[in-house]
Amino acid sequence: MVKVWYEPPPYGPRTSLNRPPYGLGNEARMAPYLVKLSKMPQWQSIGGAIGLSLVLAWLPLMNQKMPFTMSPEYQAASRAYMRYHNMNPIFGDSKDK
């Protein structure tokens, strides 16, 4: 029988031999904003990323008109149609009939 000796990596499990266990590595070579971002608490960096993506998704929608189905005339006609055909008689507009 052969005995095998296992030695874990020097920085703990799930770390490679050629990089430190935490952070970006040699911080002298990294951009300052990356070093600052890596040292921030997670909730701040994730919240900032979500906020930035929401703003970027909202920008194309800023100057568009609303859909025609949101006009008051269309909604009134839709309610009248629902009343006429007795749609949703328990909780909807047709319950008052």
C-alpha atoms as a PDB file:
ATOM      1  CA  MET A   1       0.000   0.000   0.000  1.00  0.00           C
ATOM      2  CA  VAL A   2       1.249   3.449  -0.879  1.00  0.00           C
ATOM      3  CA  LYS A   3       0.752   6.309   1.533  1.00  0.00           C
ATOM      4  CA  VAL A   4      -0.133   9.637  -0.033  1.00  0.00           C
ATOM      5  CA  TRP A   5       0.450  12.825   1.872  1.00  0.00           C
ATOM      6  CA  TYR A   6      -1.793  15.707   0.973  1.00  0.00           C
ATOM      7  CA  GLU A   7      -0.609  19.236   1.588  1.00  0.00           C
ATOM      8  CA  PRO A   8      -3.220  21.938   1.133  1.00  0.00           C
ATOM      9  CA  PRO A   9      -2.355  25.080  -0.811  1.00  0.00           C
ATOM     10  CA  PRO A  10      -0.412  27.640   1.229  1.00  0.00           C
ATOM     11  CA  TYR A  11      -3.273  30.171   1.299  1.00  0.00           C
ATOM     12  CA  GLY A  12      -6.003  27.709   2.217  1.00  0.00           C
ATOM     13  CA  PRO A  13      -8.497  25.659   0.213  1.00  0.00           C
ATOM     14  CA  ARG A  14      -9.827  26.946  -3.114  1.00  0.00           C
ATOM     15  CA  THR A  15      -6.822  29.149  -3.766  1.00  0.00           C
ATOM     16  CA  SER A  16      -4.203  28.793  -6.420  1.00  0.00           C
ATOM     17  CA  LEU A  17      -0.472  28.863  -5.845  1.00  0.00           C
ATOM     18  CA  ASN A  18       0.258  31.907  -7.975  1.00  0.00           C
ATOM     19  CA  ARG A  19      -2.107  34.435  -6.419  1.00  0.00           C
ATOM     20  CA  PRO A  20      -2.927  35.658  -2.920  1.00  0.00           C
ATOM     21  CA  PRO A  21      -6.039  34.372  -1.142  1.00  0.00           C
ATOM     22  CA  TYR A  22      -7.925  37.693  -1.112  1.00  0.00           C
ATOM     23  CA  GLY A  23      -8.007  40.806  -3.229  1.00  0.00           C
ATOM     24  CA  LEU A  24      -6.665  41.514  -6.681  1.00  0.00           C
ATOM     25  CA  GLY A  25      -3.066  40.496  -6.173  1.00  0.00           C
ATOM     26  CA  ASN A  26      -0.289  43.025  -6.501  1.00  0.00           C
ATOM     27  CA  GLU A  27      -2.150  46.254  -5.838  1.00  0.00           C
ATOM     28  CA  ALA A  28       0.701  48.403  -7.088  1.00  0.00           C
ATOM     29  CA  ARG A  29      -0.028  47.302 -10.666  1.00  0.00           C
ATOM     30  CA  MET A  30      -3.811  47.688 -10.447  1.00  0.00           C
ATOM     31  CA  ALA A  31      -5.843  50.778 -11.284  1.00  0.00           C
ATOM     32  CA  PRO A  32      -6.747  52.700  -8.119  1.00  0.00           C
ATOM     33  CA  TYR A  33     -10.487  52.488  -8.761  1.00  0.00           C
ATOM     34  CA  LEU A  34     -10.293  48.673  -8.948  1.00  0.00           C
ATOM     35  CA  VAL A  35      -8.436  48.500  -5.648  1.00  0.00           C
ATOM     36  CA  LYS A  36     -11.008  50.803  -4.035  1.00  0.00           C
ATOM     37  CA  LEU A  37     -13.888  48.808  -5.532  1.00  0.00           C
ATOM     38  CA  SER A  38     -12.447  45.509  -4.297  1.00  0.00           C
ATOM     39  CA  LYS A  39     -12.174  46.835  -0.736  1.00  0.00           C
ATOM     40  CA  MET A  40     -15.716  48.223  -0.587  1.00  0.00           C
ATOM     41  CA  PRO A  41     -18.428  46.285   1.263  1.00  0.00           C
ATOM     42  CA  GLN A  42     -20.351  43.993  -1.062  1.00  0.00           C
ATOM     43  CA  TRP A  43     -23.727  45.669  -0.561  1.00  0.00           C
ATOM     44  CA  GLN A  44     -22.349  49.012  -1.720  1.00  0.00           C
ATOM     45  CA  SER A  45     -20.699  47.694  -4.863  1.00  0.00           C
ATOM     46  CA  ILE A  46     -23.667  45.502  -5.815  1.00  0.00           C
ATOM     47  CA  GLY A  47     -26.144  48.306  -5.073  1.00  0.00           C
ATOM     48  CA  GLY A  48     -24.113  50.722  -7.178  1.00  0.00           C
ATOM     49  CA  ALA A  49     -23.969  48.263 -10.076  1.00  0.00           C
ATOM     50  CA  ILE A  50     -27.726  47.675  -9.915  1.00  0.00           C
ATOM     51  CA  GLY A  51     -28.416  51.415  -9.756  1.00  0.00           C
ATOM     52  CA  LEU A  52     -26.139  52.099 -12.706  1.00  0.00           C
ATOM     53  CA  SER A  53     -27.797  49.394 -14.782  1.00  0.00           C
ATOM     54  CA  LEU A  54     -31.263  50.757 -13.927  1.00  0.00           C
ATOM     55  CA  VAL A  55     -30.254  54.239 -15.058  1.00  0.00           C
ATOM     56  CA  LEU A  56     -28.750  52.887 -18.279  1.00  0.00           C
ATOM     57  CA  ALA A  57     -31.919  50.867 -18.983  1.00  0.00           C
ATOM     58  CA  TRP A  58     -34.149  53.882 -18.306  1.00  0.00           C
ATOM     59  CA  LEU A  59     -32.295  56.324 -20.576  1.00  0.00           C
ATOM     60  CA  PRO A  60     -33.719  55.059 -23.902  1.00  0.00           C
ATOM     61  CA  LEU A  61     -37.261  55.191 -22.495  1.00  0.00           C
ATOM     62  CA  MET A  62     -36.983  58.768 -21.259  1.00  0.00           C
ATOM     63  CA  ASN A  63     -38.353  60.643 -24.285  1.00  0.00           C
ATOM     64  CA  GLN A  64     -40.819  58.112 -25.641  1.00  0.00           C
ATOM     65  CA  LYS A  65     -44.570  58.572 -25.622  1.00  0.00           C
ATOM     66  CA  MET A  66     -46.743  56.249 -23.568  1.00  0.00           C
ATOM     67  CA  PRO A  67     -48.444  53.352 -25.389  1.00  0.00           C
ATOM     68  CA  PHE A  68     -51.883  54.073 -26.817  1.00  0.00           C
ATOM     69  CA  THR A  69     -53.424  51.489 -24.479  1.00  0.00           C
ATOM     70  CA  MET A  70     -52.650  53.788 -21.521  1.00  0.00           C
ATOM     71  CA  SER A  71     -54.747  56.675 -22.844  1.00  0.00           C
ATOM     72  CA  PRO A  72     -57.867  57.497 -20.784  1.00  0.00           C
ATOM     73  CA  GLU A  73     -60.155  56.956 -23.792  1.00  0.00           C
ATOM     74  CA  TYR A  74     -58.807  53.473 -24.436  1.00  0.00           C
ATOM     75  CA  GLN A  75     -59.100  52.491 -20.772  1.00  0.00           C
ATOM     76  CA  ALA A  76     -62.693  53.805 -20.578  1.00  0.00           C
ATOM     77  CA  ALA A  77     -63.605  51.832 -23.708  1.00  0.00           C
ATOM     78  CA  SER A  78     -61.974  48.743 -22.237  1.00  0.00           C
ATOM     79  CA  ARG A  79     -63.956  49.100 -18.998  1.00  0.00           C
ATOM     80  CA  ALA A  80     -67.196  49.565 -20.962  1.00  0.00           C
ATOM     81  CA  TYR A  81     -66.444  46.449 -23.022  1.00  0.00           C
ATOM     82  CA  MET A  82     -65.767  44.471 -19.846  1.00  0.00           C
ATOM     83  CA  ARG A  83     -69.037  45.666 -18.279  1.00  0.00           C
ATOM     84  CA  TYR A  84     -71.029  44.830 -21.395  1.00  0.00           C
ATOM     85  CA  HIS A  85     -69.651  41.280 -21.577  1.00  0.00           C
ATOM     86  CA  ASN A  86     -69.863  40.787 -17.793  1.00  0.00           C
ATOM     87  CA  MET A  87     -66.161  40.007 -17.408  1.00  0.00           C
ATOM     88  CA  ASN A  88     -64.920  39.562 -13.840  1.00  0.00           C
ATOM     89  CA  PRO A  89     -68.365  39.803 -12.197  1.00  0.00           C
ATOM     90  CA  ILE A  90     -67.143  39.254  -8.626  1.00  0.00           C
ATOM     91  CA  PHE A  91     -64.343  41.810  -8.191  1.00  0.00           C
ATOM     92  CA  GLY A  92     -64.229  43.825 -11.417  1.00  0.00           C
ATOM     93  CA  ASP A  93     -66.282  46.659 -12.901  1.00  0.00           C
ATOM     94  CA  SER A  94     -69.152  44.294 -13.718  1.00  0.00           C
ATOM     95  CA  LYS A  95     -70.012  43.662 -10.053  1.00  0.00           C
ATOM     96  CA  ASP A  96     -71.968  46.927  -9.839  1.00  0.00           C
ATOM     97  CA  LYS A  97     -74.440  45.852 -12.516  1.00  0.00           C
END
